[in-house]
Amino acid sequence: MTVTAPLGAEDQARADLYALAARLLLAAPDGQLLAGLANADPILSTGAEHALADAWENLVLASSVMDADAVAEEFDALFISSGTPTLNPYGSLYLSGFMNDTPLAELRADLARFGIGRVRGVFESEDHLGALCETMRVLIAGGPGIRRQPLEAQKAFFEARIAPWYARCLADMKNAAGANFYRLIAAFVSALLAIEAEAFAVEDGFDG
């Protein structure tokens, strides 16, 4: 029998933040989630985490006054359309200029090696930024039938599948006409991913 050690506090915090980022990017927060955010504790920061702490504080404050219906309308206006939505947070589009292109096929090969597959009934493709945040959560914390991955594997996935395009995507989200609450979400996710990128870069320095 294999006994898995409990997840360390730092990795649990990373996994939780990735889970929240995924949830906010994939669907509009409902009233319960907004209430939870409004009552969330601050993020204590040192150094590189200062931007994340500020973005988190802004998100928490906004959640205390936002109406769930208004946020849902904003989400639909930004991400849902019978034609081309205002925002398309898909890696393949940012990396190649086309939806469902080669980067998505390469991503699916990576996911298959981890034993991660698309959940039945989920319509977003695997290269949606929210889906990639959920993948990072699974790589850190594991999931049903899926083992946690070592930091080296997390780093390789992040640098190959998220780092090359997330900043452009989130800048588009921050600057989109009509982005109000999602401008703050974009700032939060941007700060989170920037910290991850910096941490992985430091890991590179130690490896060298």
N, C-alpha and C. Protein backbone atom coordinates (compact mmCIF):
# COMPACT_ATOMS: atom_id res chain seq x y z
N MET A 1 0.85 -1.20 0.00
CA MET A 1 0.00 0.00 0.00
C MET A 1 0.88 1.24 0.00
N THR A 2 0.60 2.15 -0.93
CA THR A 2 1.36 3.39 -1.02
C THR A 2 0.69 4.48 -0.19
N VAL A 3 1.45 5.09 0.70
CA VAL A 3 0.93 6.17 1.53
C VAL A 3 1.45 7.49 0.99
N THR A 4 0.54 8.39 0.66
CA THR A 4 0.93 9.69 0.12
C THR A 4 1.01 10.70 1.26
N ALA A 5 2.14 11.38 1.34
CA ALA A 5 2.32 12.39 2.38
C ALA A 5 1.36 13.55 2.16
N PRO A 6 0.89 14.18 3.23
CA PRO A 6 0.01 15.35 3.08
C PRO A 6 0.69 16.44 2.25
N LEU A 7 -0.12 17.18 1.53
CA LEU A 7 0.41 18.28 0.73
C LEU A 7 0.90 19.38 1.67
N GLY A 8 2.09 19.91 1.40
CA GLY A 8 2.63 20.99 2.22
C GLY A 8 1.78 22.24 2.13
N ALA A 9 1.90 23.10 3.12
CA ALA A 9 1.07 24.30 3.20
C ALA A 9 1.26 25.21 1.99
N GLU A 10 2.50 25.36 1.54
CA GLU A 10 2.75 26.25 0.40
C GLU A 10 2.11 25.70 -0.88
N ASP A 11 2.28 24.40 -1.09
CA ASP A 11 1.68 23.81 -2.29
C ASP A 11 0.16 23.80 -2.19
N GLN A 12 -0.39 23.62 -1.00
CA GLN A 12 -1.85 23.68 -0.85
C GLN A 12 -2.36 25.07 -1.20
N ALA A 13 -1.63 26.09 -0.75
CA ALA A 13 -2.03 27.47 -1.08
C ALA A 13 -1.95 27.71 -2.58
N ARG A 14 -0.90 27.20 -3.21
CA ARG A 14 -0.79 27.34 -4.68
C ARG A 14 -1.96 26.66 -5.36
N ALA A 15 -2.25 25.44 -4.94
CA ALA A 15 -3.35 24.68 -5.56
C ALA A 15 -4.68 25.41 -5.37
N ASP A 16 -4.90 25.96 -4.19
CA ASP A 16 -6.16 26.67 -3.91
C ASP A 16 -6.29 27.92 -4.79
N LEU A 17 -5.21 28.65 -4.95
CA LEU A 17 -5.25 29.85 -5.78
C LEU A 17 -5.49 29.50 -7.25
N TYR A 18 -4.85 28.44 -7.71
CA TYR A 18 -5.10 27.99 -9.08
C TYR A 18 -6.55 27.55 -9.26
N ALA A 19 -7.10 26.86 -8.26
CA ALA A 19 -8.49 26.42 -8.34
C ALA A 19 -9.43 27.62 -8.45
N LEU A 20 -9.17 28.66 -7.66
CA LEU A 20 -10.01 29.85 -7.72
C LEU A 20 -9.86 30.55 -9.07
N ALA A 21 -8.63 30.67 -9.56
CA ALA A 21 -8.41 31.29 -10.87
C ALA A 21 -9.17 30.54 -11.95
N ALA A 22 -9.11 29.21 -11.90
CA ALA A 22 -9.83 28.40 -12.89
C ALA A 22 -11.32 28.66 -12.82
N ARG A 23 -11.85 28.65 -11.61
CA ARG A 23 -13.30 28.85 -11.44
C ARG A 23 -13.75 30.20 -11.97
N LEU A 24 -12.99 31.25 -11.69
CA LEU A 24 -13.37 32.59 -12.11
C LEU A 24 -13.24 32.79 -13.62
N LEU A 25 -12.28 32.12 -14.23
CA LEU A 25 -12.08 32.27 -15.67
C LEU A 25 -13.05 31.44 -16.50
N LEU A 26 -13.51 30.33 -15.93
CA LEU A 26 -14.37 29.42 -16.69
C LEU A 26 -15.85 29.77 -16.61
N ALA A 27 -16.25 30.46 -15.55
CA ALA A 27 -17.66 30.82 -15.39
C ALA A 27 -17.78 32.01 -14.45
N ALA A 28 -18.85 32.74 -14.59
CA ALA A 28 -19.08 33.88 -13.70
C ALA A 28 -19.32 33.38 -12.28
N PRO A 29 -18.78 34.06 -11.28
CA PRO A 29 -19.02 33.66 -9.89
C PRO A 29 -20.47 33.87 -9.51
N ASP A 30 -21.03 32.92 -8.78
CA ASP A 30 -22.40 33.09 -8.29
C ASP A 30 -22.39 33.87 -6.98
N GLY A 31 -23.55 34.08 -6.42
CA GLY A 31 -23.64 34.88 -5.21
C GLY A 31 -22.88 34.28 -4.05
N GLN A 32 -22.88 32.96 -3.95
CA GLN A 32 -22.18 32.30 -2.84
C GLN A 32 -20.67 32.53 -2.94
N LEU A 33 -20.13 32.41 -4.15
CA LEU A 33 -18.69 32.64 -4.33
C LEU A 33 -18.34 34.10 -4.08
N LEU A 34 -19.16 35.00 -4.55
CA LEU A 34 -18.90 36.43 -4.30
C LEU A 34 -18.89 36.73 -2.81
N ALA A 35 -19.82 36.11 -2.08
CA ALA A 35 -19.87 36.33 -0.64
C ALA A 35 -18.62 35.75 0.03
N GLY A 36 -18.18 34.59 -0.44
CA GLY A 36 -16.97 34.00 0.10
C GLY A 36 -15.76 34.87 -0.15
N LEU A 37 -15.67 35.42 -1.35
CA LEU A 37 -14.55 36.31 -1.67
C LEU A 37 -14.61 37.58 -0.83
N ALA A 38 -15.80 38.11 -0.65
CA ALA A 38 -15.95 39.35 0.11
C ALA A 38 -15.49 39.20 1.55
N ASN A 39 -15.55 37.98 2.07
CA ASN A 39 -15.16 37.73 3.46
C ASN A 39 -13.81 37.03 3.59
N ALA A 40 -13.08 36.98 2.49
CA ALA A 40 -11.79 36.28 2.50
C ALA A 40 -10.74 37.06 3.27
N ASP A 41 -9.82 36.33 3.85
CA ASP A 41 -8.70 36.95 4.56
C ASP A 41 -7.73 37.58 3.56
N PRO A 42 -7.00 38.60 3.96
CA PRO A 42 -5.99 39.18 3.07
C PRO A 42 -4.84 38.21 2.85
N ILE A 43 -4.14 38.42 1.75
CA ILE A 43 -2.91 37.67 1.48
C ILE A 43 -1.75 38.47 2.04
N LEU A 44 -1.04 37.87 2.97
CA LEU A 44 0.13 38.54 3.54
C LEU A 44 1.27 38.43 2.55
N SER A 45 1.92 39.54 2.28
CA SER A 45 2.90 39.56 1.19
C SER A 45 4.28 39.96 1.67
N THR A 46 5.24 39.42 0.94
CA THR A 46 6.64 39.86 1.07
C THR A 46 7.23 39.85 -0.32
N GLY A 47 7.89 40.91 -0.69
CA GLY A 47 8.58 40.95 -1.97
C GLY A 47 7.66 40.77 -3.16
N ALA A 48 7.91 39.70 -3.92
CA ALA A 48 7.22 39.47 -5.19
C ALA A 48 5.71 39.30 -5.00
N GLU A 49 5.27 38.94 -3.80
CA GLU A 49 3.85 38.69 -3.58
C GLU A 49 3.06 39.97 -3.36
N HIS A 50 3.73 41.12 -3.35
CA HIS A 50 3.04 42.38 -3.09
C HIS A 50 1.96 42.64 -4.14
N ALA A 51 2.26 42.41 -5.40
CA ALA A 51 1.29 42.64 -6.47
C ALA A 51 0.09 41.71 -6.31
N LEU A 52 0.34 40.47 -5.90
CA LEU A 52 -0.76 39.53 -5.69
C LEU A 52 -1.63 39.99 -4.52
N ALA A 53 -1.01 40.44 -3.45
CA ALA A 53 -1.77 40.92 -2.29
C ALA A 53 -2.65 42.10 -2.65
N ASP A 54 -2.12 43.03 -3.45
CA ASP A 54 -2.90 44.20 -3.86
C ASP A 54 -4.06 43.78 -4.77
N ALA A 55 -3.78 42.90 -5.74
CA ALA A 55 -4.83 42.45 -6.65
C ALA A 55 -5.91 41.70 -5.89
N TRP A 56 -5.49 40.91 -4.90
CA TRP A 56 -6.44 40.16 -4.08
C TRP A 56 -7.32 41.12 -3.27
N GLU A 57 -6.72 42.15 -2.67
CA GLU A 57 -7.49 43.11 -1.89
C GLU A 57 -8.53 43.80 -2.76
N ASN A 58 -8.15 44.19 -3.97
CA ASN A 58 -9.09 44.84 -4.88
C ASN A 58 -10.24 43.91 -5.26
N LEU A 59 -9.91 42.63 -5.48
CA LEU A 59 -10.93 41.65 -5.84
C LEU A 59 -11.90 41.42 -4.68
N VAL A 60 -11.36 41.32 -3.48
CA VAL A 60 -12.18 41.12 -2.28
C VAL A 60 -13.12 42.31 -2.07
N LEU A 61 -12.60 43.52 -2.19
CA LEU A 61 -13.42 44.71 -1.99
C LEU A 61 -14.54 44.79 -3.04
N ALA A 62 -14.20 44.49 -4.28
CA ALA A 62 -15.21 44.54 -5.35
C ALA A 62 -16.28 43.48 -5.15
N SER A 63 -15.87 42.31 -4.65
CA SER A 63 -16.82 41.21 -4.45
C SER A 63 -17.88 41.56 -3.42
N SER A 64 -17.55 42.48 -2.51
CA SER A 64 -18.49 42.85 -1.46
C SER A 64 -19.60 43.76 -1.97
N VAL A 65 -19.42 44.34 -3.15
CA VAL A 65 -20.43 45.27 -3.68
C VAL A 65 -21.01 44.81 -5.02
N MET A 66 -20.44 43.78 -5.62
CA MET A 66 -20.91 43.34 -6.92
C MET A 66 -22.15 42.48 -6.80
N ASP A 67 -23.02 42.62 -7.76
CA ASP A 67 -24.23 41.81 -7.85
C ASP A 67 -23.96 40.63 -8.79
N ALA A 68 -24.36 39.43 -8.38
CA ALA A 68 -24.07 38.23 -9.17
C ALA A 68 -24.66 38.31 -10.58
N ASP A 69 -25.85 38.88 -10.70
CA ASP A 69 -26.47 38.99 -12.02
C ASP A 69 -25.67 39.93 -12.92
N ALA A 70 -25.16 41.01 -12.35
CA ALA A 70 -24.35 41.95 -13.13
C ALA A 70 -23.05 41.31 -13.59
N VAL A 71 -22.44 40.51 -12.71
CA VAL A 71 -21.20 39.83 -13.09
C VAL A 71 -21.48 38.81 -14.18
N ALA A 72 -22.60 38.11 -14.08
CA ALA A 72 -22.96 37.12 -15.11
C ALA A 72 -23.17 37.81 -16.46
N GLU A 73 -23.82 38.96 -16.44
CA GLU A 73 -24.02 39.71 -17.69
C GLU A 73 -22.68 40.15 -18.27
N GLU A 74 -21.77 40.58 -17.40
CA GLU A 74 -20.45 40.99 -17.87
C GLU A 74 -19.70 39.81 -18.48
N PHE A 75 -19.76 38.67 -17.81
CA PHE A 75 -19.10 37.47 -18.32
C PHE A 75 -19.63 37.12 -19.71
N ASP A 76 -20.95 37.11 -19.84
CA ASP A 76 -21.55 36.76 -21.13
C ASP A 76 -21.14 37.75 -22.22
N ALA A 77 -21.11 39.03 -21.87
CA ALA A 77 -20.75 40.05 -22.85
C ALA A 77 -19.30 39.91 -23.31
N LEU A 78 -18.43 39.47 -22.42
CA LEU A 78 -17.01 39.36 -22.74
C LEU A 78 -16.65 38.04 -23.43
N PHE A 79 -17.25 36.94 -22.95
CA PHE A 79 -16.78 35.62 -23.36
C PHE A 79 -17.77 34.81 -24.19
N ILE A 80 -19.04 35.21 -24.20
CA ILE A 80 -20.07 34.42 -24.88
C ILE A 80 -20.64 35.23 -26.03
N SER A 81 -20.73 34.62 -27.19
CA SER A 81 -21.28 35.34 -28.34
C SER A 81 -21.70 34.33 -29.40
N SER A 82 -22.75 34.69 -30.14
CA SER A 82 -23.15 33.83 -31.26
C SER A 82 -22.16 33.94 -32.41
N GLY A 83 -21.39 35.03 -32.42
CA GLY A 83 -20.34 35.21 -33.41
C GLY A 83 -18.98 35.03 -32.76
N THR A 84 -18.12 36.03 -32.89
CA THR A 84 -16.80 35.99 -32.25
C THR A 84 -16.86 36.78 -30.95
N PRO A 85 -16.61 36.13 -29.80
CA PRO A 85 -16.65 36.84 -28.52
C PRO A 85 -15.57 37.92 -28.45
N THR A 86 -15.76 38.86 -27.54
CA THR A 86 -14.77 39.90 -27.32
C THR A 86 -13.44 39.29 -26.88
N LEU A 87 -13.51 38.30 -25.99
CA LEU A 87 -12.31 37.66 -25.46
C LEU A 87 -12.34 36.16 -25.74
N ASN A 88 -11.20 35.65 -26.17
CA ASN A 88 -11.05 34.22 -26.45
C ASN A 88 -9.77 33.74 -25.76
N PRO A 89 -9.85 33.34 -24.50
CA PRO A 89 -8.63 33.01 -23.73
C PRO A 89 -8.10 31.61 -24.00
N TYR A 90 -7.77 31.34 -25.25
CA TYR A 90 -7.30 30.02 -25.66
C TYR A 90 -5.85 30.09 -26.14
N GLY A 91 -5.04 29.20 -25.62
CA GLY A 91 -3.63 29.20 -25.95
C GLY A 91 -3.35 29.05 -27.43
N SER A 92 -4.08 28.17 -28.08
CA SER A 92 -3.84 27.94 -29.51
C SER A 92 -4.00 29.21 -30.32
N LEU A 93 -5.02 30.00 -29.97
CA LEU A 93 -5.27 31.25 -30.69
C LEU A 93 -4.13 32.23 -30.49
N TYR A 94 -3.64 32.35 -29.26
CA TYR A 94 -2.56 33.29 -28.98
C TYR A 94 -1.21 32.82 -29.53
N LEU A 95 -1.02 31.51 -29.58
CA LEU A 95 0.28 31.00 -30.02
C LEU A 95 0.39 30.84 -31.53
N SER A 96 -0.71 30.51 -32.18
CA SER A 96 -0.64 30.25 -33.62
C SER A 96 -1.54 31.16 -34.45
N GLY A 97 -2.47 31.83 -33.77
CA GLY A 97 -3.40 32.68 -34.50
C GLY A 97 -4.68 31.97 -34.88
N PHE A 98 -4.79 30.68 -34.55
CA PHE A 98 -5.97 29.90 -34.93
C PHE A 98 -6.45 29.06 -33.76
N MET A 99 -7.78 28.91 -33.66
CA MET A 99 -8.35 28.04 -32.65
C MET A 99 -8.10 26.58 -33.04
N ASN A 100 -7.99 25.72 -32.05
CA ASN A 100 -7.87 24.27 -32.28
C ASN A 100 -6.73 23.91 -33.22
N ASP A 101 -5.62 24.59 -33.07
CA ASP A 101 -4.48 24.38 -33.96
C ASP A 101 -3.43 23.50 -33.27
N THR A 102 -2.24 23.45 -33.85
CA THR A 102 -1.17 22.57 -33.38
C THR A 102 -0.88 22.70 -31.89
N PRO A 103 -0.84 23.90 -31.30
CA PRO A 103 -0.57 23.97 -29.85
C PRO A 103 -1.57 23.18 -29.01
N LEU A 104 -2.82 23.12 -29.44
CA LEU A 104 -3.81 22.35 -28.69
C LEU A 104 -3.52 20.86 -28.80
N ALA A 105 -3.14 20.40 -29.98
CA ALA A 105 -2.80 18.98 -30.14
C ALA A 105 -1.60 18.61 -29.28
N GLU A 106 -0.61 19.50 -29.22
CA GLU A 106 0.57 19.23 -28.39
C GLU A 106 0.20 19.22 -26.91
N LEU A 107 -0.68 20.13 -26.51
CA LEU A 107 -1.14 20.17 -25.12
C LEU A 107 -1.86 18.87 -24.77
N ARG A 108 -2.72 18.39 -25.64
CA ARG A 108 -3.45 17.16 -25.35
C ARG A 108 -2.51 15.97 -25.19
N ALA A 109 -1.42 15.96 -25.93
CA ALA A 109 -0.43 14.90 -25.76
C ALA A 109 0.21 14.98 -24.38
N ASP A 110 0.52 16.19 -23.93
CA ASP A 110 1.07 16.38 -22.58
C ASP A 110 0.09 15.88 -21.53
N LEU A 111 -1.17 16.27 -21.66
CA LEU A 111 -2.18 15.89 -20.68
C LEU A 111 -2.36 14.38 -20.63
N ALA A 112 -2.31 13.75 -21.78
CA ALA A 112 -2.46 12.29 -21.82
C ALA A 112 -1.35 11.60 -21.05
N ARG A 113 -0.14 12.16 -21.10
CA ARG A 113 0.97 11.56 -20.35
C ARG A 113 0.74 11.66 -18.84
N PHE A 114 0.01 12.68 -18.41
CA PHE A 114 -0.30 12.82 -16.98
C PHE A 114 -1.55 12.04 -16.59
N GLY A 115 -2.25 11.49 -17.57
CA GLY A 115 -3.50 10.80 -17.29
C GLY A 115 -4.67 11.75 -17.12
N ILE A 116 -4.55 12.94 -17.69
CA ILE A 116 -5.60 13.96 -17.57
C ILE A 116 -6.35 14.03 -18.89
N GLY A 117 -7.66 13.93 -18.82
CA GLY A 117 -8.49 14.01 -20.02
C GLY A 117 -9.60 15.02 -19.84
N ARG A 118 -10.20 15.40 -20.93
CA ARG A 118 -11.31 16.35 -20.90
C ARG A 118 -12.51 15.70 -20.22
N VAL A 119 -13.13 16.42 -19.31
CA VAL A 119 -14.29 15.90 -18.58
C VAL A 119 -15.52 15.93 -19.49
N ARG A 120 -16.26 14.85 -19.47
CA ARG A 120 -17.47 14.77 -20.30
C ARG A 120 -18.43 15.90 -19.92
N GLY A 121 -18.98 16.56 -20.94
CA GLY A 121 -19.91 17.65 -20.70
C GLY A 121 -19.27 19.02 -20.62
N VAL A 122 -17.92 19.06 -20.59
CA VAL A 122 -17.21 20.34 -20.57
C VAL A 122 -16.98 20.80 -22.01
N PHE A 123 -17.42 22.01 -22.32
CA PHE A 123 -17.37 22.47 -23.70
C PHE A 123 -16.09 23.25 -24.02
N GLU A 124 -15.47 23.85 -23.02
CA GLU A 124 -14.24 24.60 -23.27
C GLU A 124 -13.12 23.62 -23.62
N SER A 125 -12.29 24.00 -24.57
CA SER A 125 -11.15 23.14 -24.93
C SER A 125 -10.06 23.25 -23.87
N GLU A 126 -9.17 22.30 -23.89
CA GLU A 126 -8.17 22.17 -22.84
C GLU A 126 -7.20 23.34 -22.77
N ASP A 127 -7.09 24.13 -23.84
CA ASP A 127 -6.15 25.26 -23.83
C ASP A 127 -6.78 26.56 -23.37
N HIS A 128 -8.01 26.51 -22.85
CA HIS A 128 -8.60 27.68 -22.20
C HIS A 128 -7.75 28.00 -20.97
N LEU A 129 -7.48 29.27 -20.72
CA LEU A 129 -6.60 29.62 -19.61
C LEU A 129 -7.15 29.10 -18.28
N GLY A 130 -8.46 29.11 -18.12
CA GLY A 130 -9.05 28.57 -16.91
C GLY A 130 -8.80 27.08 -16.78
N ALA A 131 -8.92 26.34 -17.88
CA ALA A 131 -8.66 24.91 -17.86
C ALA A 131 -7.19 24.62 -17.55
N LEU A 132 -6.30 25.47 -18.03
CA LEU A 132 -4.88 25.28 -17.75
C LEU A 132 -4.57 25.57 -16.28
N CYS A 133 -5.27 26.54 -15.68
CA CYS A 133 -5.10 26.77 -14.25
C CYS A 133 -5.59 25.55 -13.45
N GLU A 134 -6.67 24.95 -13.90
CA GLU A 134 -7.15 23.74 -13.23
C GLU A 134 -6.15 22.59 -13.40
N THR A 135 -5.52 22.51 -14.57
CA THR A 135 -4.49 21.49 -14.78
C THR A 135 -3.33 21.69 -13.83
N MET A 136 -2.91 22.94 -13.64
CA MET A 136 -1.84 23.21 -12.69
C MET A 136 -2.24 22.79 -11.28
N ARG A 137 -3.49 23.02 -10.91
CA ARG A 137 -3.96 22.58 -9.60
C ARG A 137 -3.81 21.07 -9.45
N VAL A 138 -4.19 20.34 -10.49
CA VAL A 138 -4.11 18.88 -10.44
C VAL A 138 -2.65 18.42 -10.40
N LEU A 139 -1.78 19.08 -11.15
CA LEU A 139 -0.37 18.70 -11.13
C LEU A 139 0.22 18.91 -9.74
N ILE A 140 -0.23 19.94 -9.04
CA ILE A 140 0.28 20.24 -7.70
C ILE A 140 -0.32 19.31 -6.65
N ALA A 141 -1.64 19.16 -6.69
CA ALA A 141 -2.35 18.47 -5.61
C ALA A 141 -2.81 17.06 -5.95
N GLY A 142 -2.77 16.70 -7.24
CA GLY A 142 -3.30 15.41 -7.64
C GLY A 142 -4.81 15.46 -7.78
N GLY A 143 -5.37 14.33 -8.19
CA GLY A 143 -6.82 14.23 -8.36
C GLY A 143 -7.20 12.77 -8.39
N PRO A 144 -8.47 12.46 -8.55
CA PRO A 144 -8.90 11.07 -8.58
C PRO A 144 -8.16 10.28 -9.68
N GLY A 145 -7.34 9.34 -9.27
CA GLY A 145 -6.59 8.53 -10.22
C GLY A 145 -5.42 9.23 -10.86
N ILE A 146 -5.12 10.45 -10.41
CA ILE A 146 -4.02 11.23 -11.00
C ILE A 146 -3.04 11.61 -9.90
N ARG A 147 -1.80 11.24 -10.08
CA ARG A 147 -0.79 11.51 -9.07
C ARG A 147 -0.31 12.96 -9.13
N ARG A 148 0.09 13.47 -7.97
CA ARG A 148 0.80 14.75 -7.97
C ARG A 148 2.05 14.62 -8.80
N GLN A 149 2.44 15.75 -9.38
CA GLN A 149 3.65 15.76 -10.18
C GLN A 149 4.75 16.55 -9.46
N PRO A 150 6.00 16.15 -9.63
CA PRO A 150 7.09 16.88 -8.99
C PRO A 150 7.21 18.29 -9.56
N LEU A 151 7.89 19.14 -8.82
CA LEU A 151 8.02 20.53 -9.23
C LEU A 151 8.62 20.66 -10.62
N GLU A 152 9.53 19.79 -10.96
CA GLU A 152 10.14 19.84 -12.29
C GLU A 152 9.10 19.67 -13.39
N ALA A 153 8.15 18.75 -13.20
CA ALA A 153 7.10 18.53 -14.19
C ALA A 153 6.13 19.70 -14.23
N GLN A 154 5.81 20.26 -13.06
CA GLN A 154 4.95 21.44 -13.02
C GLN A 154 5.59 22.60 -13.79
N LYS A 155 6.87 22.79 -13.55
CA LYS A 155 7.62 23.86 -14.20
C LYS A 155 7.64 23.68 -15.72
N ALA A 156 7.90 22.46 -16.18
CA ALA A 156 7.96 22.20 -17.61
C ALA A 156 6.62 22.48 -18.27
N PHE A 157 5.54 22.06 -17.62
CA PHE A 157 4.21 22.28 -18.18
C PHE A 157 3.89 23.77 -18.21
N PHE A 158 4.14 24.46 -17.12
CA PHE A 158 3.86 25.90 -17.04
C PHE A 158 4.62 26.65 -18.12
N GLU A 159 5.89 26.37 -18.24
CA GLU A 159 6.72 27.13 -19.18
C GLU A 159 6.38 26.83 -20.63
N ALA A 160 5.90 25.61 -20.90
CA ALA A 160 5.56 25.26 -22.28
C ALA A 160 4.15 25.68 -22.67
N ARG A 161 3.21 25.57 -21.74
CA ARG A 161 1.80 25.71 -22.10
C ARG A 161 1.12 26.97 -21.60
N ILE A 162 1.72 27.68 -20.63
CA ILE A 162 1.08 28.87 -20.08
C ILE A 162 1.95 30.12 -20.24
N ALA A 163 3.22 30.01 -19.90
CA ALA A 163 4.10 31.19 -19.88
C ALA A 163 4.17 31.95 -21.20
N PRO A 164 4.18 31.27 -22.37
CA PRO A 164 4.38 32.03 -23.61
C PRO A 164 3.25 32.99 -23.98
N TRP A 165 2.07 32.86 -23.35
CA TRP A 165 0.96 33.67 -23.84
C TRP A 165 0.05 34.26 -22.77
N TYR A 166 0.18 33.83 -21.52
CA TYR A 166 -0.81 34.27 -20.53
C TYR A 166 -0.82 35.79 -20.35
N ALA A 167 0.34 36.44 -20.40
CA ALA A 167 0.39 37.89 -20.15
C ALA A 167 -0.40 38.66 -21.21
N ARG A 168 -0.28 38.26 -22.46
CA ARG A 168 -1.02 38.93 -23.53
C ARG A 168 -2.52 38.72 -23.35
N CYS A 169 -2.89 37.51 -23.02
CA CYS A 169 -4.31 37.19 -22.82
C CYS A 169 -4.91 38.02 -21.69
N LEU A 170 -4.23 38.08 -20.56
CA LEU A 170 -4.76 38.80 -19.42
C LEU A 170 -4.71 40.31 -19.62
N ALA A 171 -3.74 40.80 -20.39
CA ALA A 171 -3.73 42.22 -20.74
C ALA A 171 -4.95 42.56 -21.60
N ASP A 172 -5.29 41.67 -22.53
CA ASP A 172 -6.50 41.89 -23.34
C ASP A 172 -7.74 41.91 -22.46
N MET A 173 -7.77 41.06 -21.45
CA MET A 173 -8.91 41.01 -20.54
C MET A 173 -9.01 42.29 -19.72
N LYS A 174 -7.88 42.77 -19.21
CA LYS A 174 -7.87 44.00 -18.42
C LYS A 174 -8.35 45.20 -19.24
N ASN A 175 -8.00 45.21 -20.52
CA ASN A 175 -8.25 46.38 -21.36
C ASN A 175 -9.53 46.28 -22.17
N ALA A 176 -10.25 45.18 -22.06
CA ALA A 176 -11.44 44.99 -22.88
C ALA A 176 -12.54 45.98 -22.49
N ALA A 177 -13.20 46.52 -23.49
CA ALA A 177 -14.34 47.39 -23.23
C ALA A 177 -15.41 46.58 -22.50
N GLY A 178 -15.90 47.11 -21.42
CA GLY A 178 -16.93 46.41 -20.67
C GLY A 178 -16.39 45.56 -19.54
N ALA A 179 -15.06 45.42 -19.45
CA ALA A 179 -14.48 44.65 -18.36
C ALA A 179 -14.47 45.50 -17.09
N ASN A 180 -15.19 45.08 -16.11
CA ASN A 180 -15.27 45.77 -14.83
C ASN A 180 -14.75 44.83 -13.76
N PHE A 181 -15.58 43.89 -13.35
CA PHE A 181 -15.13 42.90 -12.38
C PHE A 181 -14.04 42.01 -12.99
N TYR A 182 -14.16 41.70 -14.27
CA TYR A 182 -13.16 40.81 -14.89
C TYR A 182 -11.82 41.49 -15.12
N ARG A 183 -11.81 42.81 -15.07
CA ARG A 183 -10.52 43.51 -15.08
C ARG A 183 -9.75 43.19 -13.80
N LEU A 184 -10.47 43.09 -12.68
CA LEU A 184 -9.85 42.77 -11.40
C LEU A 184 -9.46 41.29 -11.34
N ILE A 185 -10.28 40.44 -11.92
CA ILE A 185 -9.93 39.02 -12.00
C ILE A 185 -8.67 38.84 -12.82
N ALA A 186 -8.58 39.55 -13.93
CA ALA A 186 -7.39 39.46 -14.78
C ALA A 186 -6.15 39.90 -14.02
N ALA A 187 -6.26 40.94 -13.21
CA ALA A 187 -5.12 41.42 -12.43
C ALA A 187 -4.70 40.36 -11.41
N PHE A 188 -5.67 39.74 -10.76
CA PHE A 188 -5.39 38.68 -9.77
C PHE A 188 -4.68 37.50 -10.42
N VAL A 189 -5.22 37.01 -11.53
CA VAL A 189 -4.62 35.85 -12.20
C VAL A 189 -3.25 36.20 -12.74
N SER A 190 -3.11 37.41 -13.28
CA SER A 190 -1.82 37.85 -13.80
C SER A 190 -0.76 37.86 -12.71
N ALA A 191 -1.11 38.38 -11.53
CA ALA A 191 -0.16 38.42 -10.42
C ALA A 191 0.20 37.02 -9.95
N LEU A 192 -0.78 36.14 -9.89
CA LEU A 192 -0.53 34.75 -9.49
C LEU A 192 0.43 34.07 -10.45
N LEU A 193 0.18 34.19 -11.74
CA LEU A 193 1.02 33.51 -12.73
C LEU A 193 2.41 34.15 -12.81
N ALA A 194 2.49 35.45 -12.56
CA ALA A 194 3.81 36.09 -12.56
C ALA A 194 4.66 35.57 -11.41
N ILE A 195 4.04 35.34 -10.24
CA ILE A 195 4.78 34.77 -9.12
C ILE A 195 5.25 33.36 -9.44
N GLU A 196 4.39 32.58 -10.07
CA GLU A 196 4.77 31.23 -10.46
C GLU A 196 5.94 31.26 -11.45
N ALA A 197 5.86 32.15 -12.43
CA ALA A 197 6.93 32.25 -13.42
C ALA A 197 8.24 32.63 -12.76
N GLU A 198 8.18 33.56 -11.81
CA GLU A 198 9.39 33.99 -11.11
C GLU A 198 9.96 32.85 -10.26
N ALA A 199 9.07 32.12 -9.58
CA ALA A 199 9.52 31.02 -8.74
C ALA A 199 10.19 29.92 -9.57
N PHE A 200 9.62 29.63 -10.73
CA PHE A 200 10.20 28.62 -11.60
C PHE A 200 11.55 29.10 -12.16
N ALA A 201 11.68 30.41 -12.40
CA ALA A 201 12.94 30.96 -12.88
C ALA A 201 14.01 30.83 -11.80
N VAL A 202 13.62 31.06 -10.55
CA VAL A 202 14.56 30.89 -9.43
C VAL A 202 14.99 29.43 -9.34
N GLU A 203 14.05 28.52 -9.55
CA GLU A 203 14.37 27.09 -9.54
C GLU A 203 15.39 26.77 -10.62
N ASP A 204 15.27 27.42 -11.78
CA ASP A 204 16.26 27.26 -12.85
C ASP A 204 17.65 27.66 -12.36
N GLY A 205 17.70 28.77 -11.60
CA GLY A 205 18.99 29.24 -11.08
C GLY A 205 19.61 28.25 -10.14
N PHE A 206 18.79 27.62 -9.30
CA PHE A 206 19.31 26.60 -8.37
C PHE A 206 19.78 25.38 -9.13
N ASP A 207 19.03 25.01 -10.20
CA ASP A 207 19.43 23.84 -10.99
C ASP A 207 20.77 24.07 -11.66
N GLY A 208 21.01 25.35 -12.04
CA GLY A 208 22.26 25.66 -12.73
C GLY A 208 23.41 25.70 -11.77
